[in-house]
Protein backbone atom coordinates (compact mmCIF):
# COMPACT_ATOMS: atom_id res chain seq x y z
CA UNK A 1 -4.57 13.35 18.21
CA UNK A 2 -2.57 10.33 17.34
CA UNK A 3 0.84 8.93 17.13
CA UNK A 4 -0.23 6.96 13.57
CA UNK A 5 2.56 6.96 11.29
CA UNK A 6 1.50 9.36 8.30
CA UNK A 7 3.11 8.43 5.01
CA UNK A 8 3.18 9.51 1.29
CA UNK A 9 3.10 7.94 -1.87
CA UNK A 10 4.88 8.59 -5.04
CA UNK A 11 2.63 7.96 -8.00
CA UNK A 12 4.08 5.68 -10.30
CA UNK A 13 2.65 7.97 -12.99
CA UNK A 14 4.82 10.68 -11.91
CA UNK A 15 8.03 10.98 -13.83
CA UNK A 16 10.91 8.93 -12.05
CA UNK A 17 13.41 11.83 -12.51
CA UNK A 18 11.13 13.82 -10.03
CA UNK A 19 11.42 11.16 -7.17
CA UNK A 20 14.80 12.82 -5.82
CA UNK A 21 13.33 16.09 -5.19
CA UNK A 22 10.00 14.81 -3.67
CA UNK A 23 11.47 12.37 -1.20
CA UNK A 24 13.63 15.26 0.20
CA UNK A 25 10.21 17.64 0.36
CA UNK A 26 8.42 14.71 2.02
CA UNK A 27 11.10 14.32 4.60
CA UNK A 28 11.47 18.16 5.26
CA UNK A 29 7.65 18.48 5.46
CA UNK A 30 7.70 15.99 8.55
CA UNK A 31 6.03 13.05 7.28
CA UNK A 32 7.02 9.76 8.40
CA UNK A 33 7.21 7.41 5.34
CA UNK A 34 7.34 7.68 1.51
CA UNK A 35 6.04 4.66 -0.36
CA UNK A 36 7.02 3.76 -3.88
CA UNK A 37 4.67 1.84 -6.41
CA UNK A 38 5.50 -0.83 -9.06
CA UNK A 39 3.15 -0.98 -11.55
CA UNK A 40 3.39 -2.04 -15.21
CA UNK A 41 5.16 -0.27 -17.20
CA UNK A 42 6.66 2.32 -14.89
CA UNK A 43 9.70 2.61 -12.81
CA UNK A 44 10.95 -0.37 -11.02
CA UNK A 45 10.09 -0.30 -7.04
CA UNK A 46 13.47 -1.50 -5.91
CA UNK A 47 15.61 1.12 -7.95
CA UNK A 48 13.00 3.88 -6.73
CA UNK A 49 13.40 2.78 -3.15
CA UNK A 50 17.19 2.99 -3.53
CA UNK A 51 17.02 6.37 -4.53
CA UNK A 52 14.42 7.66 -2.11
CA UNK A 53 16.37 6.20 0.72
CA UNK A 54 19.61 7.60 -0.77
CA UNK A 55 18.72 11.34 -0.80
CA UNK A 56 16.81 11.40 2.78
CA UNK A 57 18.15 10.56 6.18
CA UNK A 58 15.46 9.55 8.57
CA UNK A 59 12.40 8.61 5.83
CA UNK A 60 11.25 5.07 6.10
CA UNK A 61 10.62 4.08 2.59
CA UNK A 62 8.07 1.27 1.26
CA UNK A 63 7.92 -0.79 -1.82
CA UNK A 64 4.35 -1.44 -2.21
CA UNK A 65 4.34 -3.69 -4.06
CA UNK A 66 6.41 -6.01 -5.89
CA UNK A 67 4.13 -8.62 -7.93
CA UNK A 68 5.35 -11.90 -6.69
CA UNK A 69 4.99 -13.58 -10.20
CA UNK A 70 7.63 -11.32 -11.63
CA UNK A 71 10.83 -12.27 -9.14
CA UNK A 72 12.57 -15.33 -8.30
CA UNK A 73 12.50 -15.21 -4.44
CA UNK A 74 16.35 -15.27 -3.97
CA UNK A 75 17.03 -12.39 -6.39
CA UNK A 76 13.99 -10.53 -4.60
CA UNK A 77 15.84 -11.15 -1.03
CA UNK A 78 19.11 -10.00 -2.33
CA UNK A 79 17.75 -6.76 -3.49
CA UNK A 80 15.85 -6.21 -0.28
CA UNK A 81 18.67 -7.36 2.03
CA UNK A 82 20.96 -4.92 0.14
CA UNK A 83 18.77 -1.96 0.70
CA UNK A 84 18.32 -3.01 4.29
CA UNK A 85 21.93 -2.95 4.91
CA UNK A 86 22.64 0.30 3.24
CA UNK A 87 19.84 2.00 5.09
CA UNK A 88 19.23 0.14 8.51
CA UNK A 89 15.65 0.30 9.90
CA UNK A 90 14.27 2.45 7.00
CA UNK A 91 12.99 -0.32 4.31
CA UNK A 92 9.71 -2.07 3.99
CA UNK A 93 9.15 -4.48 1.44
CA UNK A 94 5.74 -5.45 0.21
CA UNK A 95 4.80 -8.23 -2.32
CA UNK A 96 1.45 -8.87 -4.05
CA UNK A 97 -0.41 -10.79 -6.70
CA UNK A 98 0.04 -8.07 -9.20
CA UNK A 99 -2.78 -6.80 -11.67
CA UNK A 100 -3.98 -10.11 -13.44
CA UNK A 101 -3.82 -8.41 -16.98
CA UNK A 102 -0.20 -7.42 -16.62
CA UNK A 103 0.87 -10.75 -15.00
CA UNK A 104 -0.36 -12.33 -18.06
CA UNK A 105 1.08 -9.86 -20.49
CA UNK A 106 4.56 -10.51 -19.20
CA UNK A 107 3.95 -14.20 -19.16
CA UNK A 108 4.16 -14.59 -15.42
CA UNK A 109 0.68 -15.92 -14.95
CA UNK A 110 0.21 -19.20 -12.49
CA UNK A 111 -2.64 -21.22 -11.96
CA UNK A 112 -2.65 -20.44 -8.10
CA UNK A 113 -1.63 -16.66 -7.65
CA UNK A 114 -1.99 -17.33 -3.81
CA UNK A 115 0.74 -20.17 -3.89
CA UNK A 116 2.88 -17.70 -5.75
CA UNK A 117 2.49 -15.19 -3.24
CA UNK A 118 2.77 -17.51 -0.24
CA UNK A 119 5.82 -19.25 -1.08
CA UNK A 120 7.76 -15.99 -2.41
CA UNK A 121 6.91 -14.30 0.92
CA UNK A 122 7.73 -17.37 3.04
CA UNK A 123 10.99 -17.67 1.22
CA UNK A 124 12.02 -14.06 1.17
CA UNK A 125 11.36 -13.90 5.06
CA UNK A 126 13.35 -16.83 5.75
CA UNK A 127 16.08 -15.72 3.64
CA UNK A 128 16.37 -12.18 5.13
CA UNK A 129 16.29 -13.87 8.51
CA UNK A 130 19.55 -15.52 7.73
CA UNK A 131 18.16 -19.22 7.03
CA UNK A 132 19.30 -21.71 4.30
CA UNK A 133 16.26 -22.28 2.39
CA UNK A 134 15.40 -25.18 0.31
CA UNK A 135 11.59 -24.73 -1.11
CA UNK A 136 10.09 -27.42 -3.87
CA UNK A 137 6.84 -25.51 -4.31
CA UNK A 138 4.57 -24.79 -7.17
CA UNK A 139 6.31 -21.41 -8.01
CA UNK A 140 9.42 -20.97 -5.57
CA UNK A 141 12.04 -23.87 -6.28
CA UNK A 142 15.35 -23.11 -3.95
CA UNK A 143 18.11 -25.69 -3.04
CA UNK A 144 20.06 -24.77 -0.05
CA UNK A 145 20.18 -21.07 -0.59
CA UNK A 146 21.37 -18.74 1.93
CA UNK A 147 22.25 -14.92 1.79
CA UNK A 148 25.92 -13.75 2.22
CA UNK A 149 24.89 -10.63 3.72
CA UNK A 150 21.41 -10.95 5.38
CA UNK A 151 20.49 -7.94 7.32
CA UNK A 152 20.37 -7.75 11.25
CA UNK A 153 17.53 -7.19 11.93
CA UNK A 154 15.86 -8.34 8.82
CA UNK A 155 13.25 -5.61 7.43
CA UNK A 156 9.82 -6.45 7.55
CA UNK A 157 7.94 -8.05 4.49
CA UNK A 158 4.53 -7.21 3.76
CA UNK A 159 1.60 -8.22 1.33
CA UNK A 160 -0.25 -6.05 -0.61
CA UNK A 161 -3.83 -8.18 -0.86
CA UNK A 162 -7.56 -7.29 -0.81
CA UNK A 163 -9.51 -10.87 -0.73
CA UNK A 164 -10.59 -12.97 2.08
CA UNK A 165 -8.01 -16.13 1.44
CA UNK A 166 -5.12 -13.59 0.78
CA UNK A 167 -5.62 -11.72 3.98
CA UNK A 168 -5.57 -15.02 5.81
CA UNK A 169 -2.43 -15.86 4.11
CA UNK A 170 -0.89 -12.57 5.00
CA UNK A 171 -1.89 -12.99 8.83
CA UNK A 172 0.02 -16.37 8.54
CA UNK A 173 3.06 -15.62 6.74
CA UNK A 174 3.88 -11.69 6.55
CA UNK A 175 4.94 -8.88 8.94
CA UNK A 176 2.01 -6.58 7.74
CA UNK A 177 -0.46 -6.19 5.20
CA UNK A 178 -1.10 -3.29 2.96
CA UNK A 179 -4.68 -2.30 1.97
CA UNK A 180 -5.02 -0.12 -1.47
CA UNK A 181 -6.80 2.88 -2.18
CA UNK A 182 -10.53 3.23 -1.18
CA UNK A 183 -10.38 1.16 2.06
CA UNK A 184 -13.25 2.06 4.06
CA UNK A 185 -13.24 1.80 7.99
CA UNK A 186 -15.71 -0.99 7.64
CA UNK A 187 -13.32 -2.84 5.07
CA UNK A 188 -10.24 -2.07 7.47
CA UNK A 189 -12.17 -3.62 10.33
CA UNK A 190 -13.18 -6.75 8.12
CA UNK A 191 -9.56 -7.04 6.69
CA UNK A 192 -8.12 -6.74 10.41
CA UNK A 193 -10.60 -9.58 11.43
CA UNK A 194 -9.31 -11.96 8.54
CA UNK A 195 -5.79 -11.25 9.21
CA UNK A 196 -6.05 -12.04 12.74
CA UNK A 197 -7.69 -15.43 11.71
CA UNK A 198 -4.76 -16.28 9.93
CA UNK A 199 -2.43 -15.25 12.75
CA UNK A 200 -4.27 -17.43 15.06
CA UNK A 201 -3.98 -20.40 12.83
CA UNK A 202 -0.34 -20.01 12.62
CA UNK A 203 -0.17 -19.42 16.43
CA UNK A 204 1.66 -16.14 15.65
CA UNK A 205 1.73 -13.12 18.47
CA UNK A 206 4.15 -10.82 17.11
CA UNK A 207 3.04 -7.67 15.68
CA UNK A 208 1.38 -7.33 12.20
CA UNK A 209 1.18 -3.81 10.89
CA UNK A 210 -1.88 -2.76 8.77
CA UNK A 211 -0.80 -0.17 6.35
CA UNK A 212 -3.85 1.79 4.44
CA UNK A 213 -3.33 3.68 1.22
CA UNK A 214 -6.00 6.60 1.32
CA UNK A 215 -6.64 8.99 -1.39
CA UNK A 216 -5.92 12.57 -0.16
CA UNK A 217 -7.49 15.88 -1.55
CA UNK A 218 -6.63 18.82 0.79
CA UNK A 219 -9.12 20.92 -0.91
CA UNK A 220 -12.58 21.96 -0.21
CA UNK A 221 -13.84 21.56 -3.64
CA UNK A 222 -12.91 17.79 -3.45
CA UNK A 223 -13.08 17.69 -7.18
CA UNK A 224 -9.90 15.28 -7.55
CA UNK A 225 -10.88 12.65 -4.92
CA UNK A 226 -14.64 12.70 -6.64
CA UNK A 227 -13.00 11.55 -9.83
CA UNK A 228 -10.65 9.05 -8.23
CA UNK A 229 -13.78 7.33 -6.54
CA UNK A 230 -15.95 7.75 -9.38
CA UNK A 231 -13.27 6.33 -11.85
CA UNK A 232 -12.92 3.16 -9.55
CA UNK A 233 -16.64 2.60 -9.48
CA UNK A 234 -17.04 3.38 -13.23
CA UNK A 235 -14.38 0.85 -14.10
CA UNK A 236 -16.59 -1.92 -12.44
CA UNK A 237 -14.08 -2.68 -9.64
CA UNK A 238 -16.19 -4.16 -6.85
CA UNK A 239 -16.47 -2.57 -3.45
CA UNK A 240 -15.49 -5.08 -0.56
CA UNK A 241 -18.09 -7.44 1.20
CA UNK A 242 -17.60 -4.91 4.07
CA UNK A 243 -19.22 -2.24 1.84
CA UNK A 244 -21.98 -4.48 0.55
CA UNK A 245 -24.53 -2.01 2.33
CA UNK A 246 -23.94 0.44 -0.53
CA UNK A 247 -24.29 -1.95 -3.52
CA UNK A 248 -27.96 -1.08 -4.21
CA UNK A 249 -26.92 2.71 -4.11
CA UNK A 250 -23.83 2.33 -6.10
CA UNK A 251 -25.84 0.40 -9.00
CA UNK A 252 -28.33 3.06 -9.04
CA UNK A 253 -25.84 5.69 -9.03
CA UNK A 254 -23.87 4.05 -12.22
CA UNK A 255 -27.39 3.59 -13.87
CA UNK A 256 -28.04 7.16 -13.96
CA UNK A 257 -24.64 8.60 -14.61
CA UNK A 258 -23.51 9.26 -18.22
CA UNK A 259 -19.90 8.83 -17.75
CA UNK A 260 -17.18 9.47 -14.92
CA UNK A 261 -17.73 13.23 -14.99
CA UNK A 262 -21.35 12.83 -14.02
CA UNK A 263 -20.70 9.93 -11.52
CA UNK A 264 -18.29 12.15 -9.68
CA UNK A 265 -20.77 15.04 -9.42
CA UNK A 266 -23.73 12.83 -8.16
CA UNK A 267 -21.55 10.79 -5.70
CA UNK A 268 -23.27 11.34 -2.07
CA UNK A 269 -20.96 13.28 0.12
CA UNK A 270 -20.63 10.41 2.80
CA UNK A 271 -18.57 8.43 0.02
CA UNK A 272 -15.98 11.16 0.30
CA UNK A 273 -15.34 10.35 4.05
CA UNK A 274 -15.88 6.63 3.78
CA UNK A 275 -13.34 6.09 0.97
CA UNK A 276 -10.92 8.95 1.17
CA UNK A 277 -9.17 11.34 3.20
CA UNK A 278 -10.32 14.87 1.79
CA UNK A 279 -11.34 18.09 2.78
CA UNK A 280 -10.09 20.60 5.27
CA UNK A 281 -7.55 19.64 8.38
CA UNK A 282 -10.66 18.71 10.33
CA UNK A 283 -12.28 16.76 8.07
CA UNK A 284 -9.09 14.80 6.95
CA UNK A 285 -8.30 14.17 10.59
CA UNK A 286 -11.35 12.78 11.31
CA UNK A 287 -11.00 10.42 8.31
CA UNK A 288 -7.73 9.17 9.48
CA UNK A 289 -8.86 8.85 12.76
CA UNK A 290 -11.68 6.65 11.86
CA UNK A 291 -9.08 4.36 9.99
CA UNK A 292 -7.26 4.25 13.00
CA UNK A 293 -10.08 3.30 15.08
CA UNK A 294 -11.14 0.48 12.43
CA UNK A 295 -7.40 -1.06 12.87
CA UNK A 296 -5.06 0.86 10.79
CA UNK A 297 -1.55 1.16 12.13
CA UNK A 298 -0.39 3.75 9.52
CA UNK A 299 -2.06 5.64 6.79
CA UNK A 300 -0.22 6.44 3.61
CA UNK A 301 -1.60 9.42 1.54
CA UNK A 302 -2.29 9.22 -2.03
CA UNK A 303 -2.11 12.67 -3.60
CA UNK A 304 -3.74 14.19 -6.64
CA UNK A 305 -2.37 13.05 -9.97
CA UNK A 306 -1.31 16.53 -11.07
CA UNK A 307 2.30 16.59 -9.65
CA UNK A 308 2.09 20.46 -8.78
CA UNK A 309 -1.06 19.94 -7.01
CA UNK A 310 0.04 17.32 -4.92
CA UNK A 311 3.10 19.07 -3.95
CA UNK A 312 1.02 22.17 -2.96
CA UNK A 313 -1.47 20.19 -0.87
CA UNK A 314 1.07 18.23 0.69
CA UNK A 315 2.84 21.22 1.86
CA UNK A 316 -0.23 22.89 3.13
CA UNK A 317 -1.10 19.62 5.12
CA UNK A 318 2.29 19.30 6.67
CA UNK A 319 1.43 22.33 8.64
CA UNK A 320 -2.43 22.22 9.17
CA UNK A 321 -3.14 18.54 9.19
CA UNK A 322 0.10 16.79 10.59
CA UNK A 323 0.20 19.44 13.43
CA UNK A 324 -3.30 18.69 14.40
CA UNK A 325 -2.84 14.79 14.27
CA UNK A 326 0.43 15.15 16.44
CA UNK A 327 -1.34 17.60 19.08
């Protein structure tokens, strides 16, 4: 039993015109949060968050994440402030580095992505707090900028990051951190430790929320989540340093497999429990509880890619899984 907030993602590869009905369904089913995604070149995160908040009443709406290099911090703060004032207490804004290939593709690359993120988050948080901000940074350049309508209270600003230096930066500057899909409990624990180091360096004692995205497959066949994990491994995206104990096994699996489909079938069962929330209600609840015990403050379920399958699974899970989690 846990009071851990359980959110749902609206995947960016779903058509934007379906968001209205989806957001209403997520709220009606009893989930706590809806998270929208800004990946290139799908729908924009701010517009999606505005629509989701406008058609619901209580649902918390998260933007995860806005690539920092794409936006002037003043404009980003104006957008977030407007949402926060129109939907008080319901908006969470996340910023991140963005995918390097996409950042280059739109001409927003920078020699120091860490500086871009740190200056953006620092300036946006200060502007949302009602401060007059002057910054002469490597990326952000503001001169005596202040919002005419700062929100009260200001909404939390998170970072969506992965690596060691970025996690420490998040602890120093942000109100929370978002960990992307395939975050194992071991990785969550490792990330929390680095975040806390950053917080200690900055002398921060306020709360820092750790939100974890998790591939979700409420189906005992587990076909969908097997393919999600296999695709990640086959694409060569490395596991975190906290999952180095699997490195040799993963290399052997990749060498033996003849493609994503074969790798998906060959994945050991323990990978599904480690890198996803999948299976029946008992198994999903156990995975969520392991994430909570490792340091997660909220879990966001990333449903299957197929929209109809996603709606069906989230509907079934609302009764069986949410009821179990909340006692």
